[in-house]
Full PDB file with SEQRES, HELIX, SHEET, SSBOND, CRYST1, ORIGX, SCALE, CONECT and MASTER records, all heavy atoms in Angstrom:
SEQRES   1 A   42  ILE HIS LYS HIS GLY GLU LYS ARG TYR SER VAL ASP GLY          
SEQRES   2 A   42  THR PRO THR ASP SER VAL LEU LEU ALA MET ASN GLU VAL          
SEQRES   3 A   42  MET LYS ASP HIS LYS PRO ASP LEU VAL LEU SER GLY VAL          
SEQRES   4 A   42  ASN ARG GLY                                                  
HELIX    1 AA1 PRO A   15  LEU A   21  1                                   7    
HELIX    2 AA2 ALA A   22  VAL A   26  3                                   5    
SHEET    1 AA1 2 HIS A   2  GLY A   5  0                                        
SHEET    2 AA1 2 ARG A   8  SER A  10 -1                                        
CRYST1    1.000    1.000    1.000  90.00  90.00  90.00 P 1           1          
ORIGX1      1.000000  0.000000  0.000000        0.00000                         
ORIGX2      0.000000  1.000000  0.000000        0.00000                         
ORIGX3      0.000000  0.000000  1.000000        0.00000                         
SCALE1      1.000000  0.000000  0.000000        0.00000                         
SCALE2      0.000000  1.000000  0.000000        0.00000                         
SCALE3      0.000000  0.000000  1.000000        0.00000                         
ATOM      1  N   ILE A   1       5.558  -3.886  -8.119  1.00  0.00           N  
ATOM      2  CA  ILE A   1       5.489  -3.977  -6.662  1.00  0.00           C  
ATOM      3  C   ILE A   1       6.756  -4.658  -6.162  1.00  0.00           C  
ATOM      4  O   ILE A   1       7.147  -5.713  -6.691  1.00  0.00           O  
ATOM      5  CB  ILE A   1       4.251  -4.785  -6.211  1.00  0.00           C  
ATOM      6  CG1 ILE A   1       2.970  -4.138  -6.718  1.00  0.00           C  
ATOM      7  CG2 ILE A   1       4.231  -4.920  -4.693  1.00  0.00           C  
ATOM      8  CD1 ILE A   1       1.723  -4.976  -6.480  1.00  0.00           C  
ATOM      9  N   HIS A   2       7.419  -4.059  -5.182  1.00  0.00           N  
ATOM     10  CA  HIS A   2       8.625  -4.640  -4.603  1.00  0.00           C  
ATOM     11  C   HIS A   2       8.378  -4.950  -3.130  1.00  0.00           C  
ATOM     12  O   HIS A   2       7.857  -4.111  -2.393  1.00  0.00           O  
ATOM     13  CB  HIS A   2       9.812  -3.681  -4.751  1.00  0.00           C  
ATOM     14  CG  HIS A   2      10.152  -3.382  -6.170  1.00  0.00           C  
ATOM     15  ND1 HIS A   2       9.957  -2.144  -6.742  1.00  0.00           N  
ATOM     16  CD2 HIS A   2      10.649  -4.172  -7.161  1.00  0.00           C  
ATOM     17  CE1 HIS A   2      10.331  -2.165  -8.005  1.00  0.00           C  
ATOM     18  NE2 HIS A   2      10.759  -3.395  -8.285  1.00  0.00           N  
ATOM     19  N   LYS A   3       8.773  -6.150  -2.713  1.00  0.00           N  
ATOM     20  CA  LYS A   3       8.587  -6.554  -1.323  1.00  0.00           C  
ATOM     21  C   LYS A   3       9.835  -6.213  -0.514  1.00  0.00           C  
ATOM     22  O   LYS A   3      10.951  -6.531  -0.899  1.00  0.00           O  
ATOM     23  CB  LYS A   3       8.297  -8.052  -1.238  1.00  0.00           C  
ATOM     24  CG  LYS A   3       7.899  -8.512   0.165  1.00  0.00           C  
ATOM     25  CD  LYS A   3       7.392  -9.946   0.163  1.00  0.00           C  
ATOM     26  CE  LYS A   3       6.909 -10.351   1.553  1.00  0.00           C  
ATOM     27  NZ  LYS A   3       6.355 -11.717   1.580  1.00  0.00           N  
ATOM     28  N   HIS A   4       9.637  -5.566   0.629  1.00  0.00           N  
ATOM     29  CA  HIS A   4      10.742  -5.154   1.489  1.00  0.00           C  
ATOM     30  C   HIS A   4      10.778  -5.941   2.796  1.00  0.00           C  
ATOM     31  O   HIS A   4      11.667  -5.712   3.621  1.00  0.00           O  
ATOM     32  CB  HIS A   4      10.630  -3.664   1.804  1.00  0.00           C  
ATOM     33  CG  HIS A   4      10.760  -2.783   0.602  1.00  0.00           C  
ATOM     34  ND1 HIS A   4      11.938  -2.152   0.250  1.00  0.00           N  
ATOM     35  CD2 HIS A   4       9.864  -2.438  -0.359  1.00  0.00           C  
ATOM     36  CE1 HIS A   4      11.766  -1.452  -0.850  1.00  0.00           C  
ATOM     37  NE2 HIS A   4      10.509  -1.616  -1.252  1.00  0.00           N  
ATOM     38  N   GLY A   5       9.845  -6.815   2.996  1.00  0.00           N  
ATOM     39  CA  GLY A   5       9.766  -7.590   4.223  1.00  0.00           C  
ATOM     40  C   GLY A   5       8.333  -8.019   4.448  1.00  0.00           C  
ATOM     41  O   GLY A   5       7.450  -7.760   3.618  1.00  0.00           O  
ATOM     42  N   GLU A   6       8.088  -8.675   5.565  1.00  0.00           N  
ATOM     43  CA  GLU A   6       6.743  -9.126   5.861  1.00  0.00           C  
ATOM     44  C   GLU A   6       5.779  -7.943   5.975  1.00  0.00           C  
ATOM     45  O   GLU A   6       6.031  -6.996   6.728  1.00  0.00           O  
ATOM     46  CB  GLU A   6       6.727  -9.930   7.163  1.00  0.00           C  
ATOM     47  CG  GLU A   6       5.377 -10.557   7.464  1.00  0.00           C  
ATOM     48  CD  GLU A   6       5.365 -11.339   8.761  1.00  0.00           C  
ATOM     49  OE1 GLU A   6       6.393 -11.335   9.471  1.00  0.00           O  
ATOM     50  OE2 GLU A   6       4.333 -11.956   9.070  1.00  0.00           O  
ATOM     51  N   LYS A   7       4.726  -7.972   5.194  1.00  0.00           N  
ATOM     52  CA  LYS A   7       3.690  -6.932   5.206  1.00  0.00           C  
ATOM     53  C   LYS A   7       4.227  -5.552   4.830  1.00  0.00           C  
ATOM     54  O   LYS A   7       3.647  -4.535   5.211  1.00  0.00           O  
ATOM     55  CB  LYS A   7       3.003  -6.852   6.579  1.00  0.00           C  
ATOM     56  CG  LYS A   7       2.347  -8.138   7.042  1.00  0.00           C  
ATOM     57  CD  LYS A   7       1.685  -7.946   8.397  1.00  0.00           C  
ATOM     58  CE  LYS A   7       1.071  -9.227   8.909  1.00  0.00           C  
ATOM     59  NZ  LYS A   7       0.428  -9.049  10.227  1.00  0.00           N  
ATOM     60  N   ARG A   8       5.310  -5.502   4.057  1.00  0.00           N  
ATOM     61  CA  ARG A   8       5.924  -4.214   3.715  1.00  0.00           C  
ATOM     62  C   ARG A   8       6.306  -4.209   2.229  1.00  0.00           C  
ATOM     63  O   ARG A   8       7.141  -5.000   1.792  1.00  0.00           O  
ATOM     64  CB  ARG A   8       7.148  -3.973   4.584  1.00  0.00           C  
ATOM     65  CG  ARG A   8       7.751  -2.589   4.448  1.00  0.00           C  
ATOM     66  CD  ARG A   8       8.913  -2.397   5.422  1.00  0.00           C  
ATOM     67  NE  ARG A   8       9.496  -1.089   5.272  1.00  0.00           N  
ATOM     68  CZ  ARG A   8       9.056   0.012   5.856  1.00  0.00           C  
ATOM     69  NH1 ARG A   8       8.015  -0.070   6.675  1.00  0.00           N  
ATOM     70  NH2 ARG A   8       9.629   1.178   5.658  1.00  0.00           N  
ATOM     71  N   TYR A   9       5.676  -3.295   1.452  1.00  0.00           N  
ATOM     72  CA  TYR A   9       5.854  -3.244   0.015  1.00  0.00           C  
ATOM     73  C   TYR A   9       6.006  -1.807  -0.475  1.00  0.00           C  
ATOM     74  O   TYR A   9       5.538  -0.866   0.175  1.00  0.00           O  
ATOM     75  CB  TYR A   9       4.642  -3.863  -0.701  1.00  0.00           C  
ATOM     76  CG  TYR A   9       4.363  -5.297  -0.353  1.00  0.00           C  
ATOM     77  CD1 TYR A   9       3.666  -5.626   0.819  1.00  0.00           C  
ATOM     78  CD2 TYR A   9       4.766  -6.333  -1.179  1.00  0.00           C  
ATOM     79  CE1 TYR A   9       3.403  -6.952   1.144  1.00  0.00           C  
ATOM     80  CE2 TYR A   9       4.502  -7.663  -0.866  1.00  0.00           C  
ATOM     81  CZ  TYR A   9       3.815  -7.962   0.301  1.00  0.00           C  
ATOM     82  OH  TYR A   9       3.561  -9.263   0.616  1.00  0.00           O  
ATOM     83  N   SER A  10       6.626  -1.670  -1.639  1.00  0.00           N  
ATOM     84  CA  SER A  10       6.655  -0.370  -2.320  1.00  0.00           C  
ATOM     85  C   SER A  10       6.146  -0.542  -3.743  1.00  0.00           C  
ATOM     86  O   SER A  10       6.194  -1.633  -4.319  1.00  0.00           O  
ATOM     87  CB  SER A  10       8.073   0.218  -2.336  1.00  0.00           C  
ATOM     88  OG  SER A  10       8.929  -0.550  -3.158  1.00  0.00           O  
ATOM     89  N   VAL A  11       5.646   0.555  -4.307  1.00  0.00           N  
ATOM     90  CA  VAL A  11       5.131   0.600  -5.678  1.00  0.00           C  
ATOM     91  C   VAL A  11       5.848   1.727  -6.409  1.00  0.00           C  
ATOM     92  O   VAL A  11       5.994   2.835  -5.865  1.00  0.00           O  
ATOM     93  CB  VAL A  11       3.605   0.858  -5.680  1.00  0.00           C  
ATOM     94  CG1 VAL A  11       3.089   1.055  -7.098  1.00  0.00           C  
ATOM     95  CG2 VAL A  11       2.870  -0.293  -5.001  1.00  0.00           C  
ATOM     96  N   ASP A  12       6.301   1.476  -7.628  1.00  0.00           N  
ATOM     97  CA  ASP A  12       7.016   2.519  -8.373  1.00  0.00           C  
ATOM     98  C   ASP A  12       6.019   3.441  -9.075  1.00  0.00           C  
ATOM     99  O   ASP A  12       6.040   3.610 -10.294  1.00  0.00           O  
ATOM    100  CB  ASP A  12       8.015   1.913  -9.361  1.00  0.00           C  
ATOM    101  CG  ASP A  12       7.359   1.095 -10.461  1.00  0.00           C  
ATOM    102  OD1 ASP A  12       6.199   0.652 -10.280  1.00  0.00           O  
ATOM    103  OD2 ASP A  12       8.001   0.900 -11.515  1.00  0.00           O  
ATOM    104  N   GLY A  13       5.148   4.040  -8.280  1.00  0.00           N  
ATOM    105  CA  GLY A  13       4.134   4.941  -8.810  1.00  0.00           C  
ATOM    106  C   GLY A  13       3.717   5.957  -7.771  1.00  0.00           C  
ATOM    107  O   GLY A  13       4.469   6.269  -6.847  1.00  0.00           O  
ATOM    108  N   THR A  14       2.519   6.451  -7.903  1.00  0.00           N  
ATOM    109  CA  THR A  14       1.994   7.516  -7.055  1.00  0.00           C  
ATOM    110  C   THR A  14       1.349   6.953  -5.791  1.00  0.00           C  
ATOM    111  O   THR A  14       1.139   5.736  -5.681  1.00  0.00           O  
ATOM    112  CB  THR A  14       0.935   8.322  -7.818  1.00  0.00           C  
ATOM    113  OG1 THR A  14      -0.214   7.471  -8.036  1.00  0.00           O  
ATOM    114  CG2 THR A  14       1.456   8.823  -9.166  1.00  0.00           C  
ATOM    115  N   PRO A  15       1.000   7.811  -4.830  1.00  0.00           N  
ATOM    116  CA  PRO A  15       0.251   7.336  -3.665  1.00  0.00           C  
ATOM    117  C   PRO A  15      -1.070   6.658  -4.045  1.00  0.00           C  
ATOM    118  O   PRO A  15      -1.451   5.648  -3.445  1.00  0.00           O  
ATOM    119  CB  PRO A  15       0.016   8.620  -2.867  1.00  0.00           C  
ATOM    120  CG  PRO A  15       1.144   9.508  -3.241  1.00  0.00           C  
ATOM    121  CD  PRO A  15       1.394   9.221  -4.692  1.00  0.00           C  
ATOM    122  N   THR A  16      -1.746   7.205  -5.035  1.00  0.00           N  
ATOM    123  CA  THR A  16      -2.998   6.604  -5.502  1.00  0.00           C  
ATOM    124  C   THR A  16      -2.748   5.208  -6.054  1.00  0.00           C  
ATOM    125  O   THR A  16      -3.491   4.258  -5.768  1.00  0.00           O  
ATOM    126  CB  THR A  16      -3.652   7.493  -6.575  1.00  0.00           C  
ATOM    127  OG1 THR A  16      -3.845   8.802  -6.044  1.00  0.00           O  
ATOM    128  CG2 THR A  16      -4.989   6.925  -7.013  1.00  0.00           C  
ATOM    129  N   ASP A  17      -1.684   5.064  -6.867  1.00  0.00           N  
ATOM    130  CA  ASP A  17      -1.309   3.749  -7.380  1.00  0.00           C  
ATOM    131  C   ASP A  17      -1.059   2.777  -6.230  1.00  0.00           C  
ATOM    132  O   ASP A  17      -1.477   1.610  -6.281  1.00  0.00           O  
ATOM    133  CB  ASP A  17      -0.013   3.840  -8.202  1.00  0.00           C  
ATOM    134  CG  ASP A  17      -0.141   4.671  -9.461  1.00  0.00           C  
ATOM    135  OD1 ASP A  17      -1.240   4.719 -10.035  1.00  0.00           O  
ATOM    136  OD2 ASP A  17       0.871   5.266  -9.871  1.00  0.00           O  
ATOM    137  N   SER A  18      -0.362   3.253  -5.207  1.00  0.00           N  
ATOM    138  CA  SER A  18       0.022   2.395  -4.088  1.00  0.00           C  
ATOM    139  C   SER A  18      -1.196   1.840  -3.370  1.00  0.00           C  
ATOM    140  O   SER A  18      -1.266   0.646  -3.058  1.00  0.00           O  
ATOM    141  CB  SER A  18       0.907   3.179  -3.112  1.00  0.00           C  
ATOM    142  OG  SER A  18       2.098   3.604  -3.734  1.00  0.00           O  
ATOM    143  N   VAL A  19      -2.162   2.705  -3.091  1.00  0.00           N  
ATOM    144  CA  VAL A  19      -3.365   2.252  -2.389  1.00  0.00           C  
ATOM    145  C   VAL A  19      -4.196   1.344  -3.278  1.00  0.00           C  
ATOM    146  O   VAL A  19      -4.730   0.316  -2.829  1.00  0.00           O  
ATOM    147  CB  VAL A  19      -4.183   3.462  -1.895  1.00  0.00           C  
ATOM    148  CG1 VAL A  19      -5.529   3.019  -1.325  1.00  0.00           C  
ATOM    149  CG2 VAL A  19      -3.399   4.233  -0.837  1.00  0.00           C  
ATOM    150  N   LEU A  20      -4.302   1.688  -4.546  1.00  0.00           N  
ATOM    151  CA  LEU A  20      -5.070   0.866  -5.485  1.00  0.00           C  
ATOM    152  C   LEU A  20      -4.483  -0.542  -5.589  1.00  0.00           C  
ATOM    153  O   LEU A  20      -5.210  -1.543  -5.530  1.00  0.00           O  
ATOM    154  CB  LEU A  20      -5.094   1.535  -6.857  1.00  0.00           C  
ATOM    155  CG  LEU A  20      -5.911   0.833  -7.956  1.00  0.00           C  
ATOM    156  CD1 LEU A  20      -7.386   0.817  -7.608  1.00  0.00           C  
ATOM    157  CD2 LEU A  20      -5.685   1.499  -9.295  1.00  0.00           C  
ATOM    158  N   LEU A  21      -3.166  -0.643  -5.727  1.00  0.00           N  
ATOM    159  CA  LEU A  21      -2.527  -1.952  -5.837  1.00  0.00           C  
ATOM    160  C   LEU A  21      -2.543  -2.691  -4.503  1.00  0.00           C  
ATOM    161  O   LEU A  21      -2.628  -3.931  -4.480  1.00  0.00           O  
ATOM    162  CB  LEU A  21      -1.094  -1.798  -6.341  1.00  0.00           C  
ATOM    163  CG  LEU A  21      -0.956  -1.410  -7.814  1.00  0.00           C  
ATOM    164  CD1 LEU A  21       0.509  -1.278  -8.195  1.00  0.00           C  
ATOM    165  CD2 LEU A  21      -1.631  -2.428  -8.720  1.00  0.00           C  
ATOM    166  N   ALA A  22      -2.463  -1.957  -3.418  1.00  0.00           N  
ATOM    167  CA  ALA A  22      -2.562  -2.602  -2.110  1.00  0.00           C  
ATOM    168  C   ALA A  22      -3.904  -3.293  -1.950  1.00  0.00           C  
ATOM    169  O   ALA A  22      -3.988  -4.457  -1.536  1.00  0.00           O  
ATOM    170  CB  ALA A  22      -2.368  -1.565  -1.000  1.00  0.00           C  
ATOM    171  N   MET A  23      -4.960  -2.585  -2.298  1.00  0.00           N  
ATOM    172  CA  MET A  23      -6.314  -3.116  -2.137  1.00  0.00           C  
ATOM    173  C   MET A  23      -6.613  -4.267  -3.103  1.00  0.00           C  
ATOM    174  O   MET A  23      -7.200  -5.277  -2.716  1.00  0.00           O  
ATOM    175  CB  MET A  23      -7.338  -2.003  -2.388  1.00  0.00           C  
ATOM    176  CG  MET A  23      -7.242  -0.858  -1.411  1.00  0.00           C  
ATOM    177  SD  MET A  23      -8.128  -1.206   0.109  1.00  0.00           S  
ATOM    178  CE  MET A  23      -8.447   0.470   0.641  1.00  0.00           C  
ATOM    179  N   ASN A  24      -6.201  -4.085  -4.353  1.00  0.00           N  
ATOM    180  CA  ASN A  24      -6.627  -5.021  -5.391  1.00  0.00           C  
ATOM    181  C   ASN A  24      -5.619  -6.113  -5.713  1.00  0.00           C  
ATOM    182  O   ASN A  24      -5.917  -7.008  -6.512  1.00  0.00           O  
ATOM    183  CB  ASN A  24      -6.960  -4.249  -6.676  1.00  0.00           C  
ATOM    184  CG  ASN A  24      -8.189  -3.378  -6.499  1.00  0.00           C  
ATOM    185  OD1 ASN A  24      -9.066  -3.687  -5.706  1.00  0.00           O  
ATOM    186  ND2 ASN A  24      -8.249  -2.280  -7.228  1.00  0.00           N  
ATOM    187  N   GLU A  25      -4.424  -6.045  -5.096  1.00  0.00           N  
ATOM    188  CA  GLU A  25      -3.424  -7.081  -5.344  1.00  0.00           C  
ATOM    189  C   GLU A  25      -2.791  -7.569  -4.049  1.00  0.00           C  
ATOM    190  O   GLU A  25      -2.983  -8.716  -3.645  1.00  0.00           O  
ATOM    191  CB  GLU A  25      -2.345  -6.562  -6.304  1.00  0.00           C  
ATOM    192  CG  GLU A  25      -1.261  -7.577  -6.624  1.00  0.00           C  
ATOM    193  CD  GLU A  25      -1.789  -8.850  -7.246  1.00  0.00           C  
ATOM    194  OE1 GLU A  25      -2.790  -8.793  -8.000  1.00  0.00           O  
ATOM    195  OE2 GLU A  25      -1.195  -9.929  -6.988  1.00  0.00           O  
ATOM    196  N   VAL A  26      -2.054  -6.707  -3.381  1.00  0.00           N  
ATOM    197  CA  VAL A  26      -1.303  -7.139  -2.194  1.00  0.00           C  
ATOM    198  C   VAL A  26      -2.228  -7.683  -1.107  1.00  0.00           C  
ATOM    199  O   VAL A  26      -1.947  -8.709  -0.484  1.00  0.00           O  
ATOM    200  CB  VAL A  26      -0.454  -5.975  -1.645  1.00  0.00           C  
ATOM    201  CG1 VAL A  26       0.276  -6.394  -0.370  1.00  0.00           C  
ATOM    202  CG2 VAL A  26       0.553  -5.500  -2.686  1.00  0.00           C  
ATOM    203  N   MET A  27      -3.353  -7.010  -0.876  1.00  0.00           N  
ATOM    204  CA  MET A  27      -4.257  -7.373   0.218  1.00  0.00           C  
ATOM    205  C   MET A  27      -5.618  -7.834  -0.298  1.00  0.00           C  
ATOM    206  O   MET A  27      -6.618  -7.750   0.415  1.00  0.00           O  
ATOM    207  CB  MET A  27      -4.431  -6.174   1.164  1.00  0.00           C  
ATOM    208  CG  MET A  27      -3.112  -5.623   1.697  1.00  0.00           C  
ATOM    209  SD  MET A  27      -3.312  -4.120   2.685  1.00  0.00           S  
ATOM    210  CE  MET A  27      -4.031  -4.786   4.181  1.00  0.00           C  
ATOM    211  N   LYS A  28      -5.657  -8.329  -1.519  1.00  0.00           N  
ATOM    212  CA  LYS A  28      -6.943  -8.630  -2.157  1.00  0.00           C  
ATOM    213  C   LYS A  28      -7.724  -9.733  -1.439  1.00  0.00           C  
ATOM    214  O   LYS A  28      -8.949  -9.773  -1.506  1.00  0.00           O  
ATOM    215  CB  LYS A  28      -6.736  -9.009  -3.618  1.00  0.00           C  
ATOM    216  CG  LYS A  28      -5.896 -10.261  -3.838  1.00  0.00           C  
ATOM    217  CD  LYS A  28      -5.690 -10.505  -5.331  1.00  0.00           C  
ATOM    218  CE  LYS A  28      -4.823 -11.737  -5.566  1.00  0.00           C  
ATOM    219  NZ  LYS A  28      -4.576 -11.947  -7.027  1.00  0.00           N  
ATOM    220  N   ASP A  29      -7.028 -10.620  -0.742  1.00  0.00           N  
ATOM    221  CA  ASP A  29      -7.716 -11.713  -0.053  1.00  0.00           C  
ATOM    222  C   ASP A  29      -8.252 -11.318   1.316  1.00  0.00           C  
ATOM    223  O   ASP A  29      -9.095 -12.022   1.887  1.00  0.00           O  
ATOM    224  CB  ASP A  29      -6.771 -12.912   0.103  1.00  0.00           C  
ATOM    225  CG  ASP A  29      -6.386 -13.515  -1.236  1.00  0.00           C  
ATOM    226  OD1 ASP A  29      -7.217 -13.467  -2.162  1.00  0.00           O  
ATOM    227  OD2 ASP A  29      -5.249 -14.006  -1.362  1.00  0.00           O  
ATOM    228  N   HIS A  30      -7.757 -10.219   1.850  1.00  0.00           N  
ATOM    229  CA  HIS A  30      -8.214  -9.726   3.150  1.00  0.00           C  
ATOM    230  C   HIS A  30      -7.926  -8.232   3.207  1.00  0.00           C  
ATOM    231  O   HIS A  30      -6.865  -7.804   3.660  1.00  0.00           O  
ATOM    232  CB  HIS A  30      -7.502 -10.460   4.291  1.00  0.00           C  
ATOM    233  CG  HIS A  30      -8.003 -10.101   5.644  1.00  0.00           C  
ATOM    234  ND1 HIS A  30      -7.572 -10.728   6.789  1.00  0.00           N  
ATOM    235  CD2 HIS A  30      -8.908  -9.153   6.066  1.00  0.00           C  
ATOM    236  CE1 HIS A  30      -8.172 -10.197   7.844  1.00  0.00           C  
ATOM    237  NE2 HIS A  30      -8.978  -9.247   7.417  1.00  0.00           N  
ATOM    238  N   LYS A  31      -8.869  -7.450   2.745  1.00  0.00           N  
ATOM    239  CA  LYS A  31      -8.651  -6.008   2.615  1.00  0.00           C  
ATOM    240  C   LYS A  31      -8.636  -5.315   3.985  1.00  0.00           C  
ATOM    241  O   LYS A  31      -9.164  -5.838   4.973  1.00  0.00           O  
ATOM    242  CB  LYS A  31      -9.723  -5.411   1.706  1.00  0.00           C  
ATOM    243  CG  LYS A  31      -9.604  -5.924   0.276  1.00  0.00           C  
ATOM    244  CD  LYS A  31     -10.524  -5.210  -0.683  1.00  0.00           C  
ATOM    245  CE  LYS A  31     -10.325  -5.732  -2.094  1.00  0.00           C  
ATOM    246  NZ  LYS A  31     -11.172  -5.039  -3.089  1.00  0.00           N  
ATOM    247  N   PRO A  32      -8.038  -4.136   4.045  1.00  0.00           N  
ATOM    248  CA  PRO A  32      -7.924  -3.433   5.327  1.00  0.00           C  
ATOM    249  C   PRO A  32      -9.264  -2.867   5.804  1.00  0.00           C  
ATOM    250  O   PRO A  32     -10.176  -2.631   5.008  1.00  0.00           O  
ATOM    251  CB  PRO A  32      -6.937  -2.302   5.022  1.00  0.00           C  
ATOM    252  CG  PRO A  32      -7.108  -2.048   3.557  1.00  0.00           C  
ATOM    253  CD  PRO A  32      -7.373  -3.400   2.948  1.00  0.00           C  
ATOM    254  N   ASP A  33      -9.336  -2.649   7.104  1.00  0.00           N  
ATOM    255  CA  ASP A  33     -10.505  -2.012   7.708  1.00  0.00           C  
ATOM    256  C   ASP A  33     -10.315  -0.505   7.825  1.00  0.00           C  
ATOM    257  O   ASP A  33     -11.280   0.242   7.995  1.00  0.00           O  
ATOM    258  CB  ASP A  33     -10.742  -2.584   9.112  1.00  0.00           C  
ATOM    259  CG  ASP A  33     -10.918  -4.091   9.083  1.00  0.00           C  
ATOM    260  OD1 ASP A  33     -11.949  -4.547   8.559  1.00  0.00           O  
ATOM    261  OD2 ASP A  33     -10.015  -4.807   9.560  1.00  0.00           O  
ATOM    262  N   LEU A  34      -9.050  -0.065   7.736  1.00  0.00           N  
ATOM    263  CA  LEU A  34      -8.714   1.347   7.898  1.00  0.00           C  
ATOM    264  C   LEU A  34      -7.441   1.634   7.129  1.00  0.00           C  
ATOM    265  O   LEU A  34      -6.527   0.810   7.094  1.00  0.00           O  
ATOM    266  CB  LEU A  34      -8.503   1.676   9.378  1.00  0.00           C  
ATOM    267  CG  LEU A  34      -8.019   3.087   9.738  1.00  0.00           C  
ATOM    268  CD1 LEU A  34      -9.103   4.123   9.441  1.00  0.00           C  
ATOM    269  CD2 LEU A  34      -7.606   3.148  11.215  1.00  0.00           C  
ATOM    270  N   VAL A  35      -7.385   2.821   6.495  1.00  0.00           N  
ATOM    271  CA  VAL A  35      -6.168   3.264   5.825  1.00  0.00           C  
ATOM    272  C   VAL A  35      -5.686   4.549   6.484  1.00  0.00           C  
ATOM    273  O   VAL A  35      -6.461   5.490   6.694  1.00  0.00           O  
ATOM    274  CB  VAL A  35      -6.403   3.503   4.313  1.00  0.00           C  
ATOM    275  CG1 VAL A  35      -5.175   4.133   3.677  1.00  0.00           C  
ATOM    276  CG2 VAL A  35      -6.744   2.186   3.618  1.00  0.00           C  
ATOM    277  N   LEU A  36      -4.388   4.572   6.818  1.00  0.00           N  
ATOM    278  CA  LEU A  36      -3.737   5.761   7.369  1.00  0.00           C  
ATOM    279  C   LEU A  36      -2.682   6.215   6.373  1.00  0.00           C  
ATOM    280  O   LEU A  36      -1.890   5.393   5.886  1.00  0.00           O  
ATOM    281  CB  LEU A  36      -3.082   5.456   8.714  1.00  0.00           C  
ATOM    282  CG  LEU A  36      -3.986   4.907   9.817  1.00  0.00           C  
ATOM    283  CD1 LEU A  36      -3.157   4.571  11.048  1.00  0.00           C  
ATOM    284  CD2 LEU A  36      -5.076   5.912  10.169  1.00  0.00           C  
ATOM    285  N   SER A  37      -2.647   7.500   6.066  1.00  0.00           N  
ATOM    286  CA  SER A  37      -1.685   8.035   5.111  1.00  0.00           C  
ATOM    287  C   SER A  37      -0.826   9.101   5.785  1.00  0.00           C  
ATOM    288  O   SER A  37      -1.341   9.984   6.457  1.00  0.00           O  
ATOM    289  CB  SER A  37      -2.424   8.630   3.907  1.00  0.00           C  
ATOM    290  OG  SER A  37      -1.503   9.188   2.987  1.00  0.00           O  
ATOM    291  N   GLY A  38       0.490   9.018   5.601  1.00  0.00           N  
ATOM    292  CA  GLY A  38       1.392  10.002   6.206  1.00  0.00           C  
ATOM    293  C   GLY A  38       2.553   9.309   6.913  1.00  0.00           C  
ATOM    294  O   GLY A  38       2.951   8.235   6.500  1.00  0.00           O  
ATOM    295  N   VAL A  39       3.064   9.841   7.995  1.00  0.00           N  
ATOM    296  CA  VAL A  39       2.811  11.215   8.411  1.00  0.00           C  
ATOM    297  C   VAL A  39       3.613  12.117   7.479  1.00  0.00           C  
ATOM    298  O   VAL A  39       4.835  11.976   7.379  1.00  0.00           O  
ATOM    299  CB  VAL A  39       3.228  11.456   9.864  1.00  0.00           C  
ATOM    300  CG1 VAL A  39       3.077  12.916  10.231  1.00  0.00           C  
ATOM    301  CG2 VAL A  39       2.460  10.577  10.829  1.00  0.00           C  
ATOM    302  N   ASN A  40       2.937  13.021   6.802  1.00  0.00           N  
ATOM    303  CA  ASN A  40       3.596  13.854   5.811  1.00  0.00           C  
ATOM    304  C   ASN A  40       4.582  14.817   6.449  1.00  0.00           C  
ATOM    305  O   ASN A  40       4.345  15.362   7.525  1.00  0.00           O  
ATOM    306  CB  ASN A  40       2.565  14.657   5.020  1.00  0.00           C  
ATOM    307  CG  ASN A  40       3.179  15.336   3.810  1.00  0.00           C  
ATOM    308  OD1 ASN A  40       3.654  14.672   2.898  1.00  0.00           O  
ATOM    309  ND2 ASN A  40       3.196  16.665   3.809  1.00  0.00           N  
ATOM    310  N   ARG A  41       5.705  15.026   5.780  1.00  0.00           N  
ATOM    311  CA  ARG A  41       6.701  16.009   6.221  1.00  0.00           C  
ATOM    312  C   ARG A  41       6.259  17.388   5.731  1.00  0.00           C  
ATOM    313  O   ARG A  41       6.582  17.825   4.635  1.00  0.00           O  
ATOM    314  CB  ARG A  41       8.081  15.649   5.675  1.00  0.00           C  
ATOM    315  CG  ARG A  41       9.218  16.520   6.199  1.00  0.00           C  
ATOM    316  CD  ARG A  41      10.557  16.010   5.683  1.00  0.00           C  
ATOM    317  NE  ARG A  41      11.665  16.804   6.181  1.00  0.00           N  
ATOM    318  CZ  ARG A  41      12.114  17.928   5.632  1.00  0.00           C  
ATOM    319  NH1 ARG A  41      11.521  18.385   4.532  1.00  0.00           N  
ATOM    320  NH2 ARG A  41      13.129  18.596   6.154  1.00  0.00           N  
ATOM    321  N   GLY A  42       5.476  18.068   6.551  1.00  0.00           N  
ATOM    322  CA  GLY A  42       4.891  19.341   6.176  1.00  0.00           C  
ATOM    323  C   GLY A  42       3.387  19.277   6.261  1.00  0.00           C  
ATOM    324  O   GLY A  42       2.785  18.200   6.127  1.00  0.00           O  
TER     325      GLY A  42                                                      
MASTER        0    0    0    2    2    0    0    6  324    1    0    4          
END                                                                             
């Protein structure tokens, strides 16, 4: 996990990895109420 700024991170893996690590590590103390994915190019 790499931190790019306040509340902004990247994961060197897949989208699934990113959400999994967000929930269980980055935001584990206060999980999100909603997840938005995109906006996809296409």
